Amino acid sequence: MILGLDDIPGGTTFISLLIWVILTGLYYLVCYMAALNVLDDVTRNSWLKLPAMMLTAIPAAGLMTIFQYKPFVFAILVSIANYFRVQKIIRTPSSKWGDMKINPTLFYLASYGYIALLTTLAFYFPTLDFSQ
C-alpha cells in the first residue's frame, strides 16, 4: 500500500500552500523585480516609462491567469516593496545612469501604475469568455 497526499492529514492543503508560496516568489522575481528594474534601466527618466510599464503589465497578468494565480497578497507585498525600491533609486541612483537627476513622480507613478494594472488585469482576464 502506498500512501498518497490524501492519506496524510493536511497533506494536500500543505502542498497547495507550498505551491502558492513558490508561485508568489516566482512572480515577485519575474513580474516585479526583473520587469521593473529592466524597464527602469531602459527608460531611465523618460516619460516613455509610463506606457512601457503599462504594456508590460499585460503579458505579466496573462502569465498569472494561465497559472490561475490570484494576486491578493502579491499586490500588497509589491506595493510595500515598491516604496522602498523607489526610495533607494532616488537616494542612490545607479552608477550606470551617470549624474541623472531622478524624477520621483515619474518613478512612483509608473511603478504603482504597473502594479495596479497588473493586479486588475490578473483578476479581469479569467472572467473573459472566448468560447463564443
Protein backbone atom coordinates (compact mmCIF):
# COMPACT_ATOMS: atom_id res chain seq x y z
CA MET A 1 0.00 0.00 0.00
CA ILE A 2 1.33 3.40 -0.98
CA LEU A 3 0.28 6.43 0.99
CA GLY A 4 -0.80 9.44 -1.03
CA LEU A 5 -1.21 13.06 -0.01
CA ASP A 6 -4.91 12.39 0.67
CA ASP A 7 -3.96 9.85 3.34
CA ILE A 8 -1.86 12.34 5.30
CA PRO A 9 -3.91 14.79 7.38
CA GLY A 10 -3.39 18.23 5.87
CA GLY A 11 -1.17 16.83 3.10
CA THR A 12 -2.98 18.33 0.11
CA THR A 13 -3.50 21.62 1.94
CA PHE A 14 0.20 21.84 2.75
CA ILE A 15 1.19 21.11 -0.86
CA SER A 16 -1.30 23.73 -2.11
CA LEU A 17 0.18 26.28 0.28
CA LEU A 18 3.71 25.35 -0.80
CA ILE A 19 2.81 25.77 -4.49
CA TRP A 20 1.19 29.14 -3.73
CA VAL A 21 4.30 30.35 -1.87
CA ILE A 22 6.56 29.21 -4.73
CA LEU A 23 4.36 30.95 -7.32
CA THR A 24 4.30 34.14 -5.25
CA GLY A 25 8.10 34.09 -5.07
CA LEU A 26 8.45 33.47 -8.80
CA TYR A 27 6.02 36.26 -9.69
CA TYR A 28 7.81 38.57 -7.27
CA LEU A 29 11.12 37.89 -9.01
CA VAL A 30 9.87 37.93 -12.60
CA CYS A 31 6.85 40.23 -12.72
CA TYR A 32 8.10 42.71 -10.17
CA MET A 33 11.87 42.76 -9.62
CA ALA A 34 13.03 41.85 -13.12
CA ALA A 35 10.37 43.72 -15.07
CA LEU A 36 10.57 46.99 -13.15
CA ASN A 37 14.35 47.06 -12.82
CA VAL A 38 14.90 46.31 -16.52
CA LEU A 39 12.36 48.94 -17.56
CA ASP A 40 13.94 51.48 -15.20
CA ASP A 41 17.34 50.81 -16.79
CA VAL A 42 15.96 51.10 -20.32
CA THR A 43 13.67 54.13 -19.90
CA ARG A 44 15.53 55.97 -17.12
CA ASN A 45 13.87 59.39 -16.66
CA SER A 46 11.86 59.33 -19.90
CA TRP A 47 8.09 59.66 -19.79
CA LEU A 48 8.04 56.61 -22.08
CA LYS A 49 8.47 54.69 -18.84
CA LEU A 50 4.73 55.01 -18.15
CA PRO A 51 3.39 53.36 -21.35
CA ALA A 52 6.24 50.83 -21.32
CA MET A 53 5.27 49.64 -17.84
CA MET A 54 1.57 49.58 -18.72
CA LEU A 55 2.27 47.43 -21.79
CA THR A 56 4.48 45.12 -19.73
CA ALA A 57 1.65 44.55 -17.26
CA ILE A 58 -0.45 42.80 -19.94
CA PRO A 59 1.76 39.71 -20.52
CA ALA A 60 2.61 39.55 -16.81
CA ALA A 61 -1.10 39.43 -15.94
CA GLY A 62 -1.60 36.86 -18.69
CA LEU A 63 1.06 34.68 -17.07
CA MET A 64 -0.77 34.92 -13.75
CA THR A 65 -4.03 33.99 -15.47
CA ILE A 66 -2.51 30.93 -17.15
CA PHE A 67 -1.42 29.56 -13.77
CA GLN A 68 -4.73 30.64 -12.12
CA TYR A 69 -2.87 32.80 -9.61
CA LYS A 70 -4.91 35.36 -7.67
CA PRO A 71 -2.58 38.19 -6.61
CA PHE A 72 -4.19 39.21 -3.29
CA VAL A 73 -1.05 39.02 -1.15
CA PHE A 74 1.24 39.68 -4.11
CA ALA A 75 -0.29 43.14 -4.67
CA ILE A 76 0.22 44.11 -1.03
CA LEU A 77 3.75 42.68 -0.97
CA VAL A 78 4.93 44.51 -4.08
CA SER A 79 3.19 47.75 -3.12
CA ILE A 80 5.16 47.89 0.11
CA ALA A 81 8.40 46.70 -1.52
CA ASN A 82 7.98 49.23 -4.33
CA TYR A 83 8.03 52.18 -1.92
CA PHE A 84 11.42 51.10 -0.61
CA ARG A 85 12.70 50.26 -4.11
CA VAL A 86 11.88 53.74 -5.44
CA GLN A 87 13.27 55.40 -2.29
CA LYS A 88 16.55 53.56 -2.85
CA ILE A 89 16.63 54.63 -6.51
CA ILE A 90 16.03 58.26 -5.54
CA ARG A 91 18.66 58.27 -2.78
CA THR A 92 21.35 56.33 -4.62
CA PRO A 93 20.85 56.31 -8.41
CA SER A 94 22.60 53.62 -10.39
CA SER A 95 26.16 54.46 -11.39
CA LYS A 96 25.37 53.47 -14.99
CA TRP A 97 22.87 56.37 -15.15
CA GLY A 98 25.60 58.94 -14.59
CA ASP A 99 24.62 62.23 -12.95
CA MET A 100 20.97 61.98 -13.98
CA LYS A 101 18.52 63.69 -11.60
CA ILE A 102 15.75 61.23 -10.75
CA ASN A 103 12.13 62.35 -11.21
CA PRO A 104 10.39 60.78 -8.16
CA THR A 105 6.89 61.50 -9.51
CA LEU A 106 7.64 59.59 -12.70
CA PHE A 107 9.12 56.61 -10.88
CA TYR A 108 6.26 56.36 -8.37
CA LEU A 109 3.54 56.93 -10.97
CA ALA A 110 4.91 54.40 -13.43
CA SER A 111 5.69 51.66 -10.92
CA TYR A 112 2.45 51.94 -8.94
CA GLY A 113 0.51 52.20 -12.21
CA TYR A 114 2.16 48.96 -13.31
CA ILE A 115 1.25 47.24 -10.04
CA ALA A 116 -2.37 48.46 -10.16
CA LEU A 117 -2.85 47.46 -13.81
CA LEU A 118 -1.14 44.10 -13.30
CA THR A 119 -3.39 43.27 -10.35
CA THR A 120 -6.55 44.49 -12.10
CA LEU A 121 -5.82 42.53 -15.28
CA ALA A 122 -4.91 39.39 -13.33
CA PHE A 123 -8.40 39.46 -11.83
CA TYR A 124 -10.11 40.53 -15.07
CA PHE A 125 -8.61 38.10 -17.60
CA PRO A 126 -10.16 34.96 -16.05
CA THR A 127 -13.64 36.48 -16.44
CA LEU A 128 -13.30 36.74 -20.23
CA ASP A 129 -15.17 34.14 -22.26
CA PHE A 130 -13.58 33.34 -25.61
CA SER A 131 -15.83 30.37 -26.42
CA GLN A 132 -18.30 32.40 -28.49
